[in-house]
Amino acid sequence: MPFSDYCCTLVQLCVVLFYAQIIIFNFKLILLHGEKKMKILQNKKALSTVVTTLIILVVSVLLATVVTFYAINVTTTRVQEESLFLTKPHIWYSTTGDWAEAAIVIVNTGGKDVVIDKIAVRGQECPWANVYFYRATNFAVSQDLTVTSTEPNATFTQPVEGTNQTFASQSNDLTLKSGWTVVLYIDKPDSIALNDVGITVGITVFTSNAQYYKEVNVEAAQ
């Protein structure tokens, strides 16, 4: 049965029970004030005050249940939730070049577009000038990310799913459509140094409504 029909049936049942208990209660009052007062009081089959109260409670509960189900149905069907999936995080440190970089894949698995406000590594915000991205609009990223041979610059290419893709720089907040994937490379994240190799570091992605956290061990690039 569709949800709308189910709600309609419950409402009709509640209305019938509500009016039924009103009629029964009024009829009882009339008889109690009439000539048959003593006879009804002695009748074991007559409805008591407890039964009438129970009917009122049942009707109230049924009405509240219908309203609750309706509210849940409206909120779940009309409100689209935001959800980002962070995968394949890496932080590398190059001992020969004395530089560090981070990489991560962000998938918008929610029902609406999002705006990525900022990205932080170990609690420190990464300047957008050091963030390079590639949007995968028509395919999923299943292969792991690899470290670049040199320090990331304004425009560089890096394999994504076996094909070299050009990464662009970003000067402000980054948008991500629902169902799309973005691959990020971050130059000089926080203050990653040689002594941080092997230490667990957190990568946090902030949006206007939430924040998403992923932990990763710092790796050696060579």
Protein backbone atom coordinates (compact mmCIF):
# COMPACT_ATOMS: atom_id res chain seq x y z
CA MET A 1 0.00 0.00 0.00
CA PRO A 2 1.39 3.44 -0.87
CA PHE A 3 2.26 5.67 2.06
CA SER A 4 -0.43 8.22 1.15
CA ASP A 5 -3.14 5.52 1.15
CA TYR A 6 -1.83 4.18 4.45
CA CYS A 7 -2.03 7.63 6.04
CA CYS A 8 -5.52 8.19 4.63
CA THR A 9 -6.72 4.88 6.08
CA LEU A 10 -5.29 5.69 9.50
CA VAL A 11 -6.88 9.13 9.48
CA GLN A 12 -10.27 7.67 8.57
CA LEU A 13 -9.96 5.08 11.34
CA CYS A 14 -9.03 7.75 13.86
CA VAL A 15 -11.98 9.92 12.86
CA VAL A 16 -14.40 7.00 13.15
CA LEU A 17 -13.08 6.04 16.58
CA PHE A 18 -13.14 9.63 17.74
CA TYR A 19 -16.77 10.20 16.77
CA ALA A 20 -17.74 6.77 18.05
CA GLN A 21 -16.41 7.49 21.52
CA ILE A 22 -18.18 10.89 21.53
CA ILE A 23 -21.52 9.28 20.60
CA ILE A 24 -21.10 6.51 23.15
CA PHE A 25 -20.11 8.95 25.87
CA ASN A 26 -23.05 11.32 25.17
CA PHE A 27 -25.51 8.45 24.96
CA LYS A 28 -24.28 7.18 28.28
CA LEU A 29 -24.82 10.57 29.90
CA ILE A 30 -28.38 10.77 28.56
CA LEU A 31 -29.27 7.36 29.90
CA LEU A 32 -27.64 8.05 33.23
CA HIS A 33 -29.83 11.11 33.69
CA GLY A 34 -33.00 9.32 32.58
CA GLU A 35 -35.36 6.81 34.09
CA LYS A 36 -33.03 3.91 33.32
CA LYS A 37 -30.17 5.25 35.42
CA MET A 38 -30.17 2.42 37.94
CA LYS A 39 -30.63 -0.26 35.29
CA ILE A 40 -27.59 0.93 33.30
CA LEU A 41 -25.49 1.21 36.42
CA GLN A 42 -26.29 -2.43 37.12
CA ASN A 43 -25.62 -3.51 33.53
CA LYS A 44 -22.22 -5.19 33.33
CA LYS A 45 -22.03 -4.66 29.56
CA ALA A 46 -22.13 -0.84 29.76
CA LEU A 47 -18.96 1.10 28.93
CA SER A 48 -17.09 2.31 31.98
CA THR A 49 -15.11 5.50 32.40
CA VAL A 50 -11.89 3.50 32.03
CA VAL A 51 -12.93 2.17 28.63
CA THR A 52 -13.92 5.65 27.45
CA THR A 53 -10.56 7.02 28.59
CA LEU A 54 -8.73 4.24 26.79
CA ILE A 55 -10.61 5.01 23.58
CA ILE A 56 -9.59 8.66 23.84
CA LEU A 57 -5.96 7.67 24.44
CA VAL A 58 -5.91 5.27 21.49
CA VAL A 59 -7.35 7.92 19.19
CA SER A 60 -4.77 10.44 20.38
CA VAL A 61 -1.90 8.01 19.83
CA LEU A 62 -3.12 7.09 16.36
CA LEU A 63 -3.45 10.74 15.36
CA ALA A 64 0.03 11.49 16.69
CA THR A 65 1.44 8.49 14.78
CA VAL A 66 -0.11 9.65 11.53
CA VAL A 67 1.28 13.16 11.96
CA THR A 68 4.75 11.77 12.79
CA PHE A 69 4.80 9.44 9.78
CA TYR A 70 3.69 12.27 7.52
CA ALA A 71 6.41 14.61 8.84
CA ILE A 72 9.09 11.94 8.41
CA ASN A 73 7.91 11.22 4.86
CA VAL A 74 8.03 14.92 3.93
CA THR A 75 11.48 15.52 5.41
CA THR A 76 13.05 12.40 3.89
CA THR A 77 11.67 12.94 0.39
CA ARG A 78 12.11 16.70 0.12
CA VAL A 79 15.34 17.28 2.04
CA GLN A 80 18.49 16.19 0.23
CA GLU A 81 21.43 15.42 2.46
CA GLU A 82 25.06 16.41 1.98
CA SER A 83 27.59 13.60 2.02
CA LEU A 84 31.26 13.48 1.01
CA PHE A 85 33.35 10.31 0.84
CA LEU A 86 37.09 10.76 1.41
CA THR A 87 39.29 8.01 0.03
CA LYS A 88 42.89 7.24 -0.99
CA PRO A 89 44.54 9.78 1.33
CA HIS A 90 48.33 10.16 1.20
CA ILE A 91 50.98 12.44 2.65
CA TRP A 92 54.50 12.09 1.30
CA TYR A 93 57.80 13.65 2.30
CA SER A 94 60.64 13.83 -0.21
CA THR A 95 64.00 13.47 1.48
CA THR A 96 65.93 14.41 -1.67
CA GLY A 97 63.88 17.47 -2.60
CA ASP A 98 63.03 18.52 0.97
CA TRP A 99 59.34 19.05 0.22
CA ALA A 100 56.05 17.41 1.20
CA GLU A 101 52.74 16.92 -0.54
CA ALA A 102 49.34 15.45 0.25
CA ALA A 103 46.79 13.81 -2.02
CA ILE A 104 43.20 12.71 -1.54
CA VAL A 105 40.11 11.77 -3.55
CA ILE A 106 36.75 13.36 -2.61
CA VAL A 107 33.50 11.86 -3.91
CA ASN A 108 30.22 13.73 -3.56
CA THR A 109 27.86 10.89 -2.70
CA GLY A 110 25.10 13.17 -1.42
CA GLY A 111 22.02 14.48 -3.14
CA LYS A 112 23.14 18.08 -3.59
CA ASP A 113 26.12 20.10 -4.79
CA VAL A 114 28.61 21.28 -2.17
CA VAL A 115 31.18 24.01 -1.74
CA ILE A 116 34.51 22.99 -0.19
CA ASP A 117 35.46 25.92 2.03
CA LYS A 118 38.90 24.83 3.11
CA ILE A 119 41.25 21.89 3.57
CA ALA A 120 43.37 21.43 6.66
CA VAL A 121 46.26 19.07 7.39
CA ARG A 122 47.02 18.42 11.04
CA GLY A 123 44.69 21.27 11.92
CA GLN A 124 46.48 23.84 9.76
CA GLU A 125 44.61 25.35 6.80
CA CYS A 126 46.19 24.81 3.39
CA PRO A 127 46.30 27.96 1.20
CA TRP A 128 44.27 27.57 -1.98
CA ALA A 129 47.35 28.62 -3.94
CA ASN A 130 48.93 25.30 -2.90
CA VAL A 131 45.89 23.17 -3.79
CA TYR A 132 45.67 21.56 -7.25
CA PHE A 133 42.62 19.65 -8.44
CA TYR A 134 41.23 17.51 -11.23
CA ARG A 135 37.48 16.83 -11.53
CA ALA A 136 36.48 13.36 -12.72
CA THR A 137 32.98 13.99 -14.04
CA ASN A 138 32.25 10.79 -15.93
CA PHE A 139 34.25 8.02 -14.25
CA ALA A 140 35.13 6.74 -10.79
CA VAL A 141 38.64 6.82 -9.39
CA SER A 142 39.48 3.29 -8.24
CA GLN A 143 43.26 3.20 -8.65
CA ASP A 144 45.47 4.51 -5.87
CA LEU A 145 47.20 7.87 -6.14
CA THR A 146 50.98 8.12 -6.60
CA VAL A 147 53.49 10.70 -5.49
CA THR A 148 54.66 13.23 -8.07
CA SER A 149 58.25 13.12 -9.30
CA THR A 150 58.72 16.81 -8.56
CA GLU A 151 57.08 19.36 -6.32
CA PRO A 152 53.60 20.33 -7.64
CA ASN A 153 53.44 23.62 -9.53
CA ALA A 154 50.84 25.82 -11.23
CA THR A 155 50.03 23.26 -13.94
CA PHE A 156 51.25 19.69 -13.76
CA THR A 157 50.10 16.31 -15.00
CA GLN A 158 49.63 13.22 -12.93
CA PRO A 159 48.18 9.77 -13.74
CA VAL A 160 44.53 9.29 -12.80
CA GLU A 161 43.12 5.88 -13.68
CA GLY A 162 46.14 5.24 -15.90
CA THR A 163 45.81 8.44 -17.95
CA ASN A 164 47.80 11.63 -17.42
CA GLN A 165 45.48 14.44 -16.39
CA THR A 166 46.24 18.14 -16.07
CA PHE A 167 45.69 19.59 -12.61
CA ALA A 168 44.62 23.21 -12.17
CA SER A 169 45.15 25.60 -9.29
CA GLN A 170 42.34 27.14 -7.28
CA SER A 171 42.22 30.65 -5.84
CA ASN A 172 39.06 30.30 -3.72
CA ASP A 173 36.40 27.81 -2.59
CA LEU A 174 36.00 24.69 -4.71
CA THR A 175 32.59 23.49 -5.93
CA LEU A 176 31.72 19.82 -6.39
CA LYS A 177 28.54 18.65 -8.09
CA SER A 178 26.52 15.72 -6.81
CA GLY A 179 27.96 12.47 -8.13
CA TRP A 180 31.26 14.03 -9.20
CA THR A 181 34.76 13.18 -7.97
CA VAL A 182 37.68 15.53 -7.41
CA VAL A 183 41.33 14.53 -7.02
CA LEU A 184 43.41 16.92 -4.92
CA TYR A 185 47.18 17.36 -4.61
CA ILE A 186 48.36 19.76 -1.90
CA ASP A 187 51.83 21.29 -1.90
CA LYS A 188 53.58 21.91 1.45
CA PRO A 189 50.75 20.71 3.74
CA ASP A 190 51.18 22.08 7.27
CA SER A 191 54.84 21.73 8.28
CA ILE A 192 55.53 18.10 7.39
CA ALA A 193 59.22 17.34 7.97
CA LEU A 194 61.53 14.32 7.91
CA ASN A 195 60.76 13.41 11.52
CA ASP A 196 57.03 13.14 10.67
CA VAL A 197 57.54 10.09 8.46
CA GLY A 198 55.56 7.22 10.02
CA ILE A 199 53.40 9.53 12.15
CA THR A 200 49.62 9.58 11.77
CA VAL A 201 48.31 12.91 10.46
CA GLY A 202 44.71 13.98 9.87
CA ILE A 203 43.28 15.57 6.74
CA THR A 204 40.07 17.58 7.24
CA VAL A 205 37.77 18.83 4.49
CA PHE A 206 35.39 21.64 5.44
CA THR A 207 32.13 22.57 3.73
CA SER A 208 29.55 25.18 4.67
CA ASN A 209 27.51 22.55 6.56
CA ALA A 210 29.94 19.93 7.83
CA GLN A 211 33.51 18.72 8.08
CA TYR A 212 35.02 15.39 7.04
CA TYR A 213 38.11 13.84 8.61
CA LYS A 214 40.55 11.20 7.41
CA GLU A 215 43.75 9.95 9.05
CA VAL A 216 46.85 8.77 7.18
CA ASN A 217 50.45 7.87 7.94
CA VAL A 218 53.17 10.12 6.52
CA GLU A 219 55.11 8.19 3.87
CA ALA A 220 58.58 8.61 2.43
CA ALA A 221 58.54 9.60 -1.22
CA GLN A 222 61.75 7.63 -1.96
